[in-house]
Amino acid sequence: MAGLAGFVGRERELSRLRQARGEGARMLLVVGDAGVGKTRFVGEGMRRAAAAGLVPTWGRCLPLAGRLPLLPVADALDQLSRLDRGRLLEEALQLAPAWVRAEVERLLPRLGPGRVEEGGRRGERGEMWRRERLFSAVAELLGAMSQRLPVGVVVEDVHWADTATLDCLTYLARTDRGAAVTLVVTCRGDEAPLDRHVAEWLAQVRGSDAVEEIRLGPLSRDEATQQIAGLVGGPPPPRLVDDLYARAEGNPFFTEQLTAAAQADPVASELRAPVRLPGRLADLLVARAGRCGDDGRALLAALAVAGRPLTEAQLSAIACLDVAAVRAGLRELAAARLLAEDGLEAAYRPRHALLAEAVAAALLPGERVALHGRTAAALEAEGDDALAAEVAGHWAAADRAAEELPARVAAAQAAERVFGYAEAAVQLQRAVELCQRLPAVAVTSGAELPRLYVRAMDALEICGDGEHASVLAEEAFSQFADHPDPATARSFTCAPRCSGG
């Protein structure tokens, strides 16, 4: 099977990207339908810019029910911190004001403990100032780093972004420190319906002079022909091109998958689109995955359910395979063009989100539950608090409430550390619900229901949701105003009156 096709077409869009960077646009918003090639386009643009001296770094939003505050920002900074054995980041921190290091450590705990402050009722104004200070630290760091080399920060899939990430991107796009820093953001144009906070953010940034939007449409027939030629390793039969272009309508990912299906089942030694091609792409993707061996299918199912890149060790634990079997399965998936190309990290993911969605949907309910449970255990074993929200989501999908509760509490603390109060409120409200359902587990895990109520109310008030904070306050008052512990009772005596702002 021939290798993956090289980059084709998009010269006009690449020229716009290069021109926008040269004119000082602070954010480039790349929008297109699923499979249209946003990642390949941005990757090619960054590759060309890197040849001219730019330092690119990448972060990716994940399709999780419980959002991970500032995950792509932290990932991008983590990549920068590993360049030149950390010297580039350290030099930038030395150039930046002294307070920047402590704030950056919130996002990169391995650099130091950061300064996590908990407890006590905190005012909305003070918390917003502290969050803006964190955003300012990121801007200062990138600015200091760009004094040596221009920096490009790519954030993929903002249609899945949390509110804190979107606010940080807005801050960075509006901040002008005279630094050569370019933000490149990708977003699906066909992701419907978008979460309200994402839709509002897109409407806001599209009206900004600092933002340049580049829309990617389908490839032309000539460009699709070039892509197919690269995939099959030579000039393709005209009939194949006609058929694939009519069916894929110039969508590069669809074209790639149809070409691979044709190669897997040639008719009379001639490449033709499959005669019995399923009407839906999801059916085609599941059928192609089904042709892999048992180990390859098990790995693809693990990646699809995890919803994030996984290392060999994590795949071994989740798919219940030894390392040799994992590597053999990964090679098979790569040969079948079902594995993403990614030289930036020692982890693996499906070729496209649509592939992951199709594979996960085709699993039996019991298979999904088991994979969610093993994924939660594997991620929890990493000992990284930043993964707590993912862990909690997988425990919930596995219907393991006893394990979910402490993960929710840890996820809330991780969100509070980076001032992601909207996300912390979601985690805390779920923790309150679990405490009420499982009082015995709450005791053994150390989760104190009154304290969780207070933290949830604080988080809701800080992120501007006073209505829900008031509902929680009434709920807590009815439960704890007559509590036998005087300190606990006092905490809620004035809760209904105080929570309205």
Protein backbone atom coordinates (compact mmCIF):
# COMPACT_ATOMS: atom_id res chain seq x y z
CA MET A 1 0.00 0.00 0.00
CA ALA A 2 1.40 3.36 -0.99
CA GLY A 3 2.25 5.92 1.65
CA LEU A 4 0.22 8.98 2.57
CA ALA A 5 -0.12 11.61 -0.14
CA GLY A 6 1.97 14.73 0.08
CA PHE A 7 0.36 18.11 0.55
CA VAL A 8 -1.57 19.28 -2.53
CA GLY A 9 -3.36 22.50 -3.43
CA ARG A 10 -4.29 25.32 -1.06
CA GLU A 11 -1.68 27.69 -2.50
CA ARG A 12 -4.06 30.65 -2.39
CA GLU A 13 -4.97 29.95 1.24
CA LEU A 14 -1.31 29.44 2.17
CA SER A 15 -0.50 32.76 0.57
CA ARG A 16 -3.22 34.41 2.66
CA LEU A 17 -1.86 32.79 5.81
CA ARG A 18 1.67 33.98 5.04
CA GLN A 19 0.45 37.49 4.16
CA ALA A 20 -1.65 37.75 7.32
CA ARG A 21 1.35 36.77 9.44
CA GLY A 22 3.49 39.34 7.66
CA GLU A 23 0.90 42.04 8.26
CA GLY A 24 0.84 41.29 11.98
CA ALA A 25 -2.54 39.56 12.36
CA ARG A 26 -2.61 38.29 15.94
CA MET A 27 -4.99 35.40 15.30
CA LEU A 28 -5.62 33.32 12.19
CA LEU A 29 -8.93 31.44 12.37
CA VAL A 30 -8.97 28.43 10.02
CA VAL A 31 -12.50 27.10 9.47
CA GLY A 32 -13.69 24.15 7.40
CA ASP A 33 -15.88 21.06 7.42
CA ALA A 34 -14.71 17.83 9.02
CA GLY A 35 -12.18 16.10 6.79
CA VAL A 36 -11.43 19.11 4.64
CA GLY A 37 -7.80 19.16 5.80
CA LYS A 38 -7.50 21.90 8.42
CA THR A 39 -4.73 20.10 10.31
CA ARG A 40 -2.75 19.31 7.15
CA PHE A 41 -3.16 22.90 5.93
CA VAL A 42 -1.98 24.45 9.19
CA GLY A 43 0.82 21.90 9.43
CA GLU A 44 2.05 22.85 5.96
CA GLY A 45 1.80 26.55 6.79
CA MET A 46 3.78 26.08 9.99
CA ARG A 47 6.34 23.87 8.19
CA ARG A 48 7.02 26.64 5.68
CA ALA A 49 7.15 29.26 8.41
CA ALA A 50 9.53 27.07 10.45
CA ALA A 51 11.87 26.94 7.46
CA ALA A 52 12.06 30.73 7.79
CA GLY A 53 12.85 30.54 11.52
CA LEU A 54 9.46 30.37 13.28
CA VAL A 55 9.12 28.09 16.32
CA PRO A 56 5.73 26.29 16.09
CA THR A 57 3.97 24.74 19.07
CA TRP A 58 0.64 22.89 19.17
CA GLY A 59 -2.25 22.30 21.54
CA ARG A 60 -5.47 20.41 20.91
CA CYS A 61 -8.91 20.61 22.47
CA LEU A 62 -10.53 17.26 23.26
CA PRO A 63 -14.17 16.15 22.84
CA LEU A 64 -14.83 15.56 26.54
CA ALA A 65 -18.07 15.98 28.41
CA GLY A 66 -16.16 17.61 31.26
CA ARG A 67 -14.00 20.32 29.71
CA LEU A 68 -10.34 20.58 30.63
CA PRO A 69 -9.53 24.23 31.43
CA LEU A 70 -6.64 25.61 29.37
CA LEU A 71 -5.57 22.13 28.22
CA PRO A 72 -4.38 23.23 24.74
CA VAL A 73 -2.54 26.24 26.20
CA ALA A 74 -0.77 24.00 28.72
CA ASP A 75 0.08 21.49 25.98
CA ALA A 76 1.53 24.20 23.75
CA LEU A 77 3.66 25.56 26.60
CA ASP A 78 4.75 22.03 27.49
CA GLN A 79 6.02 21.54 23.94
CA LEU A 80 7.94 24.81 24.14
CA SER A 81 9.41 23.76 27.49
CA ARG A 82 10.97 20.68 25.88
CA LEU A 83 12.74 22.53 23.07
CA ASP A 84 16.51 22.70 23.33
CA ARG A 85 16.30 20.66 26.56
CA GLY A 86 14.30 23.39 28.25
CA ARG A 87 16.85 26.14 27.69
CA LEU A 88 14.59 28.21 25.43
CA LEU A 89 11.83 28.34 28.05
CA GLU A 90 14.25 29.03 30.90
CA GLU A 91 15.84 31.94 29.03
CA ALA A 92 12.37 33.35 28.35
CA LEU A 93 11.41 33.06 32.03
CA GLN A 94 14.57 34.91 32.99
CA LEU A 95 13.72 37.71 30.56
CA ALA A 96 10.11 37.95 31.78
CA PRO A 97 9.09 39.61 35.06
CA ALA A 98 9.72 37.45 38.14
CA TRP A 99 6.02 36.84 38.86
CA VAL A 100 5.53 35.11 35.48
CA ARG A 101 7.25 31.90 36.61
CA ALA A 102 4.81 31.22 39.46
CA GLU A 103 1.84 31.72 37.14
CA VAL A 104 3.25 29.51 34.38
CA GLU A 105 3.81 26.78 36.97
CA ARG A 106 0.03 26.58 37.34
CA LEU A 107 -0.09 25.26 33.78
CA LEU A 108 3.18 23.30 33.98
CA PRO A 109 3.30 21.85 37.51
CA ARG A 110 6.46 19.89 36.75
CA LEU A 111 8.34 23.22 36.67
CA GLY A 112 7.34 23.89 40.28
CA PRO A 113 4.41 23.86 42.68
CA GLY A 114 2.73 27.05 41.53
CA ARG A 115 0.58 28.87 44.06
CA VAL A 116 -2.74 27.16 44.60
CA GLU A 117 -4.97 29.18 46.86
CA GLU A 118 -8.13 27.63 48.26
CA GLY A 119 -10.72 28.31 50.89
CA GLY A 120 -12.72 31.31 51.93
CA ARG A 121 -15.29 33.20 49.91
CA ARG A 122 -13.63 35.01 47.08
CA GLY A 123 -14.99 37.99 45.21
CA GLU A 124 -15.66 37.86 41.48
CA ARG A 125 -13.50 40.92 40.81
CA GLY A 126 -10.51 39.47 42.64
CA GLU A 127 -10.75 36.10 40.92
CA MET A 128 -11.06 37.68 37.47
CA TRP A 129 -7.96 39.74 38.22
CA ARG A 130 -6.06 36.61 39.22
CA ARG A 131 -7.14 34.81 36.05
CA GLU A 132 -6.13 37.79 33.91
CA ARG A 133 -2.77 37.73 35.67
CA LEU A 134 -2.34 34.11 34.49
CA PHE A 135 -3.24 35.08 30.91
CA SER A 136 -0.84 38.01 31.15
CA ALA A 137 1.92 35.63 32.30
CA VAL A 138 1.36 33.45 29.21
CA ALA A 139 1.55 36.54 27.01
CA GLU A 140 4.70 37.76 28.77
CA LEU A 141 6.35 34.36 28.37
CA LEU A 142 5.54 34.11 24.66
CA GLY A 143 6.67 37.68 24.18
CA ALA A 144 9.98 37.03 25.91
CA MET A 145 10.49 33.85 23.89
CA SER A 146 9.81 35.67 20.63
CA GLN A 147 12.61 38.13 21.35
CA ARG A 148 14.90 35.39 20.08
CA LEU A 149 12.67 33.69 17.49
CA PRO A 150 9.12 34.26 16.21
CA VAL A 151 6.62 31.87 17.82
CA GLY A 152 3.52 30.28 16.30
CA VAL A 153 0.92 28.80 18.68
CA VAL A 154 -1.59 26.45 17.05
CA VAL A 155 -4.77 25.51 18.93
CA GLU A 156 -6.82 22.86 17.14
CA ASP A 157 -10.53 22.08 17.38
CA VAL A 158 -11.80 25.06 19.36
CA HIS A 159 -15.34 23.79 18.71
CA TRP A 160 -14.54 21.59 21.75
CA ALA A 161 -12.83 24.33 23.80
CA ASP A 162 -13.61 25.30 27.39
CA THR A 163 -14.43 28.88 28.36
CA ALA A 164 -11.05 29.52 30.00
CA THR A 165 -9.18 28.55 26.82
CA LEU A 166 -11.37 30.81 24.70
CA ASP A 167 -10.90 33.71 27.12
CA CYS A 168 -7.13 33.17 27.08
CA LEU A 169 -7.07 33.19 23.27
CA THR A 170 -9.09 36.41 23.25
CA TYR A 171 -6.65 37.98 25.71
CA LEU A 172 -3.62 36.93 23.68
CA ALA A 173 -5.18 38.20 20.44
CA ARG A 174 -5.89 41.60 22.00
CA THR A 175 -2.55 41.99 23.75
CA ASP A 176 0.15 43.81 21.82
CA ARG A 177 3.57 43.57 23.37
CA GLY A 178 5.34 44.11 20.06
CA ALA A 179 6.18 40.41 20.02
CA ALA A 180 6.36 38.16 16.96
CA VAL A 181 3.70 35.74 18.23
CA THR A 182 1.06 34.31 15.89
CA LEU A 183 -2.03 32.40 17.07
CA VAL A 184 -3.51 29.90 14.61
CA VAL A 185 -6.86 28.42 15.62
CA THR A 186 -8.83 25.71 13.80
CA CYS A 187 -12.56 25.12 14.04
CA ARG A 188 -15.06 22.86 12.33
CA GLY A 189 -17.49 24.70 10.13
CA ASP A 190 -20.05 21.88 10.26
CA GLU A 191 -20.04 21.19 14.01
CA ALA A 192 -23.69 21.75 14.89
CA PRO A 193 -24.92 22.72 17.29
CA LEU A 194 -21.95 24.51 18.83
CA ASP A 195 -21.93 25.05 22.56
CA ARG A 196 -23.25 28.51 23.32
CA HIS A 197 -19.96 29.79 24.73
CA VAL A 198 -18.10 28.69 21.57
CA ALA A 199 -20.69 30.24 19.23
CA GLU A 200 -20.54 33.52 21.15
CA TRP A 201 -16.74 33.49 21.07
CA LEU A 202 -16.66 32.93 17.30
CA ALA A 203 -19.08 35.80 16.73
CA GLN A 204 -16.91 38.04 18.91
CA VAL A 205 -13.53 37.26 17.33
CA ARG A 206 -14.88 37.45 13.79
CA GLY A 207 -15.63 41.10 14.42
CA SER A 208 -12.09 41.88 15.54
CA ASP A 209 -9.54 43.65 13.33
CA ALA A 210 -6.82 41.48 14.90
CA VAL A 211 -8.36 38.26 13.51
CA GLU A 212 -8.03 36.96 9.96
CA GLU A 213 -10.38 34.12 8.96
CA ILE A 214 -9.38 31.56 6.33
CA ARG A 215 -12.10 29.20 5.12
CA LEU A 216 -11.08 25.91 3.55
CA GLY A 217 -13.39 24.50 0.91
CA PRO A 218 -13.23 21.23 -1.04
CA LEU A 219 -10.31 20.45 -3.35
CA SER A 220 -10.76 21.02 -7.06
CA ARG A 221 -10.87 18.04 -9.39
CA ASP A 222 -7.26 18.61 -10.44
CA GLU A 223 -6.16 18.82 -6.79
CA ALA A 224 -8.12 15.67 -5.94
CA THR A 225 -6.41 13.93 -8.86
CA GLN A 226 -3.03 14.90 -7.42
CA GLN A 227 -4.06 13.57 -4.02
CA ILE A 228 -5.24 10.24 -5.44
CA ALA A 229 -2.03 9.93 -7.51
CA GLY A 230 0.03 10.39 -4.36
CA LEU A 231 -2.03 7.80 -2.51
CA VAL A 232 -1.82 5.10 -5.21
CA GLY A 233 1.79 5.86 -6.14
CA GLY A 234 1.23 6.84 -9.77
CA PRO A 235 -1.28 8.24 -12.29
CA PRO A 236 -4.75 6.97 -11.28
CA PRO A 237 -7.26 5.57 -13.78
CA PRO A 238 -9.56 8.39 -14.99
CA ARG A 239 -12.61 6.30 -14.12
CA LEU A 240 -11.41 6.01 -10.51
CA VAL A 241 -10.86 9.77 -10.29
CA ASP A 242 -14.32 10.49 -11.72
CA ASP A 243 -16.00 8.11 -9.29
CA LEU A 244 -14.07 9.22 -6.19
CA TYR A 245 -14.46 12.91 -6.93
CA ALA A 246 -18.19 12.50 -7.46
CA ARG A 247 -18.58 10.63 -4.18
CA ALA A 248 -16.12 12.50 -1.95
CA GLU A 249 -16.94 15.92 -3.47
CA GLY A 250 -13.36 17.07 -3.02
CA ASN A 251 -13.17 16.32 0.71
CA PRO A 252 -9.55 15.13 1.26
CA PHE A 253 -10.28 12.75 4.14
CA PHE A 254 -13.23 11.16 2.35
CA THR A 255 -11.10 10.83 -0.80
CA GLU A 256 -8.31 9.20 1.18
CA GLN A 257 -10.62 6.65 2.77
CA LEU A 258 -12.36 5.80 -0.52
CA THR A 259 -9.00 5.37 -2.24
CA ALA A 260 -7.80 3.06 0.54
CA ALA A 261 -11.00 1.02 0.18
CA ALA A 262 -10.42 0.73 -3.56
CA GLN A 263 -6.84 -0.43 -3.00
CA ALA A 264 -7.93 -3.02 -0.47
CA ASP A 265 -10.35 -4.61 -2.93
CA PRO A 266 -9.20 -4.10 -6.56
CA VAL A 267 -11.49 -5.35 -9.32
CA ALA A 268 -9.64 -7.45 -11.93
CA SER A 269 -6.32 -5.88 -10.86
CA GLU A 270 -7.71 -2.43 -11.67
CA LEU A 271 -8.35 0.24 -9.08
CA ARG A 272 -12.03 1.08 -8.90
CA ALA A 273 -14.25 2.49 -6.20
CA PRO A 274 -15.99 -0.37 -4.37
CA VAL A 275 -19.14 -1.48 -6.16
CA ARG A 276 -21.02 -1.98 -2.87
CA LEU A 277 -19.84 1.22 -1.27
CA PRO A 278 -21.96 2.00 1.83
CA GLY A 279 -24.00 5.15 1.56
CA ARG A 280 -22.62 6.61 4.79
CA LEU A 281 -18.96 7.33 5.46
CA ALA A 282 -19.33 5.90 8.97
CA ASP A 283 -20.18 2.49 7.46
CA LEU A 284 -17.14 2.70 5.21
CA LEU A 285 -14.84 3.60 8.10
CA VAL A 286 -16.15 0.77 10.28
CA ALA A 287 -15.81 -1.68 7.40
CA ARG A 288 -12.20 -0.62 6.78
CA ALA A 289 -11.35 -0.93 10.46
CA GLY A 290 -12.99 -4.36 10.51
CA ARG A 291 -10.47 -5.63 7.97
CA CYS A 292 -7.64 -5.18 10.47
CA GLY A 293 -6.54 -8.02 12.72
CA ASP A 294 -7.83 -8.48 16.25
CA ASP A 295 -5.02 -6.48 17.83
CA GLY A 296 -5.40 -3.58 15.40
CA ARG A 297 -9.15 -3.43 16.01
CA ALA A 298 -8.65 -3.56 19.78
CA LEU A 299 -6.20 -0.65 19.63
CA LEU A 300 -8.45 1.42 17.40
CA ALA A 301 -11.38 0.81 19.76
CA ALA A 302 -9.23 1.90 22.72
CA LEU A 303 -8.17 5.09 20.94
CA ALA A 304 -11.75 5.84 19.86
CA VAL A 305 -13.19 5.50 23.37
CA ALA A 306 -10.31 7.35 25.07
CA GLY A 307 -10.86 10.44 22.92
CA ARG A 308 -7.23 11.50 23.35
CA PRO A 309 -3.75 10.44 22.16
CA LEU A 310 -2.43 7.38 24.01
CA THR A 311 1.09 6.08 24.55
CA GLU A 312 2.13 2.48 23.95
CA ALA A 313 2.03 1.78 27.69
CA GLN A 314 -1.48 3.22 28.01
CA LEU A 315 -2.69 1.26 24.98
CA SER A 316 -1.21 -1.90 26.44
CA ALA A 317 -3.20 -1.42 29.66
CA ILE A 318 -6.46 -0.40 28.00
CA ALA A 319 -6.45 -2.97 25.18
CA CYS A 320 -5.00 -5.74 27.41
CA LEU A 321 -2.15 -6.43 24.98
CA ASP A 322 1.57 -6.79 25.54
CA VAL A 323 3.93 -4.20 24.06
CA ALA A 324 4.94 -6.38 21.09
CA ALA A 325 1.28 -6.85 20.13
CA VAL A 326 0.63 -3.13 20.54
CA ARG A 327 3.46 -2.23 18.18
CA ALA A 328 2.37 -4.79 15.61
CA GLY A 329 -1.21 -3.49 15.79
CA LEU A 330 -0.06 0.12 15.44
CA ARG A 331 1.99 -0.76 12.36
CA GLU A 332 -1.09 -2.40 10.84
CA LEU A 333 -3.25 0.64 11.54
CA ALA A 334 -0.62 2.97 10.09
CA ALA A 335 -0.37 0.87 6.92
CA ALA A 336 -4.16 0.99 6.56
CA ARG A 337 -4.15 4.81 6.93
CA LEU A 338 -6.22 4.61 10.08
CA LEU A 339 -3.61 6.20 12.34
CA ALA A 340 -2.79 9.90 12.47
CA GLU A 341 0.63 11.19 11.51
CA ASP A 342 2.04 13.03 14.49
CA GLY A 343 5.74 13.49 15.02
CA LEU A 344 5.17 15.95 17.84
CA GLU A 345 4.36 13.47 20.59
CA ALA A 346 5.09 9.87 21.54
CA ALA A 347 1.38 9.03 21.47
CA TYR A 348 -1.10 7.78 18.90
CA ARG A 349 -4.60 8.73 17.81
CA PRO A 350 -7.06 7.76 15.05
CA ARG A 351 -6.59 9.27 11.62
CA HIS A 352 -9.57 11.56 12.08
CA ALA A 353 -12.22 12.38 14.66
CA LEU A 354 -14.86 11.00 12.28
CA LEU A 355 -13.10 7.63 12.32
CA ALA A 356 -13.06 7.60 16.12
CA GLU A 357 -16.75 8.51 16.26
CA ALA A 358 -17.68 5.72 13.82
CA VAL A 359 -15.60 3.06 15.59
CA ALA A 360 -16.90 4.01 19.05
CA ALA A 361 -20.51 4.01 17.85
CA ALA A 362 -20.11 0.51 16.39
CA LEU A 363 -19.01 -1.01 19.71
CA LEU A 364 -21.43 -2.96 21.87
CA PRO A 365 -22.53 -1.10 25.04
CA GLY A 366 -20.67 -3.58 27.23
CA GLU A 367 -17.49 -3.11 25.19
CA ARG A 368 -17.66 0.67 25.60
CA VAL A 369 -18.26 0.39 29.35
CA ALA A 370 -15.26 -1.89 29.81
CA LEU A 371 -13.00 0.34 27.71
CA HIS A 372 -14.10 3.45 29.62
CA GLY A 373 -13.23 1.72 32.90
CA ARG A 374 -9.78 0.63 31.73
CA THR A 375 -9.13 4.07 30.22
CA ALA A 376 -9.98 5.75 33.53
CA ALA A 377 -7.66 3.41 35.42
CA ALA A 378 -4.81 3.93 32.93
CA LEU A 379 -5.07 7.73 33.02
CA GLU A 380 -5.45 7.77 36.80
CA ALA A 381 -2.24 5.75 37.09
CA GLU A 382 -0.37 8.65 35.45
CA GLY A 383 -0.77 10.62 38.69
CA ASP A 384 -1.41 13.87 36.79
CA ASP A 385 -4.14 16.08 38.28
CA ALA A 386 -4.62 17.71 34.88
CA LEU A 387 -6.12 14.42 33.70
CA ALA A 388 -8.64 14.25 36.55
CA ALA A 389 -11.56 15.59 34.49
CA GLU A 390 -10.94 12.97 31.83
CA VAL A 391 -10.64 10.27 34.47
CA ALA A 392 -13.94 11.35 36.04
CA GLY A 393 -15.69 11.34 32.67
CA HIS A 394 -14.52 7.83 31.92
CA TRP A 395 -15.51 6.54 35.38
CA ALA A 396 -18.96 8.05 34.80
CA ALA A 397 -19.25 6.38 31.38
CA ALA A 398 -18.21 3.11 33.05
CA ASP A 399 -20.94 3.60 35.69
CA ARG A 400 -18.34 3.49 38.48
CA ALA A 401 -19.66 6.23 40.78
CA ALA A 402 -17.43 5.26 43.72
CA GLU A 403 -14.32 5.93 41.64
CA GLU A 404 -15.88 8.93 39.92
CA LEU A 405 -16.43 10.97 43.11
CA PRO A 406 -12.78 11.51 44.14
CA ALA A 407 -11.89 12.15 40.49
CA ARG A 408 -14.54 14.90 40.32
CA VAL A 409 -13.12 16.57 43.42
CA ALA A 410 -9.59 16.37 42.01
CA ALA A 411 -10.80 17.76 38.67
CA ALA A 412 -12.43 20.71 40.41
CA GLN A 413 -9.21 21.48 42.26
CA ALA A 414 -7.22 21.29 39.02
CA ALA A 415 -9.69 23.69 37.36
CA GLU A 416 -9.55 26.12 40.30
CA ARG A 417 -5.75 26.14 40.09
CA VAL A 418 -5.96 27.76 36.64
CA PHE A 419 -9.09 29.81 37.45
CA GLY A 420 -11.38 27.68 35.28
CA TYR A 421 -14.35 28.33 37.54
CA ALA A 422 -17.07 27.45 35.02
CA GLU A 423 -15.49 24.02 34.63
CA ALA A 424 -14.86 23.70 38.38
CA ALA A 425 -18.54 24.42 39.04
CA VAL A 426 -19.58 21.56 36.73
CA GLN A 427 -17.25 19.14 38.53
CA LEU A 428 -18.33 20.29 42.00
CA GLN A 429 -22.04 20.06 41.27
CA ARG A 430 -21.55 16.52 40.04
CA ALA A 431 -19.52 15.75 43.18
CA VAL A 432 -22.38 17.07 45.34
CA GLU A 433 -24.79 14.78 43.52
CA LEU A 434 -22.51 11.78 44.01
CA CYS A 435 -22.01 12.56 47.71
CA GLN A 436 -25.74 12.55 48.23
CA ARG A 437 -26.12 9.25 46.36
CA LEU A 438 -23.13 7.57 48.03
CA PRO A 439 -22.67 8.95 51.57
CA ALA A 440 -20.46 6.03 52.61
CA VAL A 441 -18.10 6.60 49.68
CA ALA A 442 -18.03 10.31 50.47
CA VAL A 443 -16.79 9.52 54.00
CA THR A 444 -14.06 7.11 52.88
CA SER A 445 -12.88 9.43 50.09
CA GLY A 446 -12.73 12.49 52.35
CA ALA A 447 -15.28 14.45 50.31
CA GLU A 448 -17.15 16.78 52.69
CA LEU A 449 -20.59 17.66 51.33
CA PRO A 450 -20.90 21.07 53.07
CA ARG A 451 -17.47 22.09 51.79
CA LEU A 452 -18.36 20.98 48.26
CA TYR A 453 -21.52 23.09 48.38
CA VAL A 454 -19.50 26.16 49.41
CA ARG A 455 -16.93 25.65 46.67
CA ALA A 456 -19.62 25.07 44.04
CA MET A 457 -21.47 28.22 45.08
CA ASP A 458 -18.26 30.24 44.99
CA ALA A 459 -17.36 28.94 41.53
CA LEU A 460 -20.81 29.71 40.15
CA GLU A 461 -20.80 33.23 41.58
CA ILE A 462 -17.30 33.95 40.24
CA CYS A 463 -18.18 32.85 36.70
CA GLY A 464 -21.34 34.98 36.78
CA ASP A 465 -24.00 32.31 37.26
CA GLY A 466 -25.68 33.75 40.34
CA GLU A 467 -28.99 32.08 39.54
CA HIS A 468 -27.59 28.56 39.92
CA ALA A 469 -25.51 29.65 42.91
CA SER A 470 -28.73 30.78 44.60
CA VAL A 471 -30.42 27.44 43.90
CA LEU A 472 -27.47 25.62 45.49
CA ALA A 473 -27.52 27.99 48.45
CA GLU A 474 -31.20 27.26 49.14
CA GLU A 475 -30.48 23.55 48.84
CA ALA A 476 -27.55 23.73 51.25
CA PHE A 477 -29.48 25.89 53.73
CA SER A 478 -32.30 23.35 53.90
CA GLN A 479 -29.80 20.59 54.68
CA PHE A 480 -27.30 22.26 57.00
CA ALA A 481 -28.90 25.24 58.77
CA ASP A 482 -29.81 22.93 61.68
CA HIS A 483 -26.67 20.82 61.45
CA PRO A 484 -25.43 19.54 64.86
CA ASP A 485 -21.96 20.93 64.13
CA PRO A 486 -22.22 24.67 64.96
CA ALA A 487 -19.47 25.64 62.50
CA THR A 488 -21.21 23.87 59.65
CA ALA A 489 -24.58 25.38 60.57
CA ARG A 490 -23.07 28.91 60.69
CA SER A 491 -21.63 28.46 57.20
CA PHE A 492 -25.12 28.22 55.74
CA THR A 493 -27.22 30.38 58.07
CA CYS A 494 -27.00 33.32 55.67
CA ALA A 495 -26.47 31.27 52.47
CA PRO A 496 -29.78 32.17 50.71
CA ARG A 497 -29.30 35.85 51.47
CA CYS A 498 -25.60 35.99 50.49
CA SER A 499 -25.67 33.98 47.31
CA GLY A 500 -27.74 36.39 45.28
CA GLY A 501 -24.76 38.72 44.80
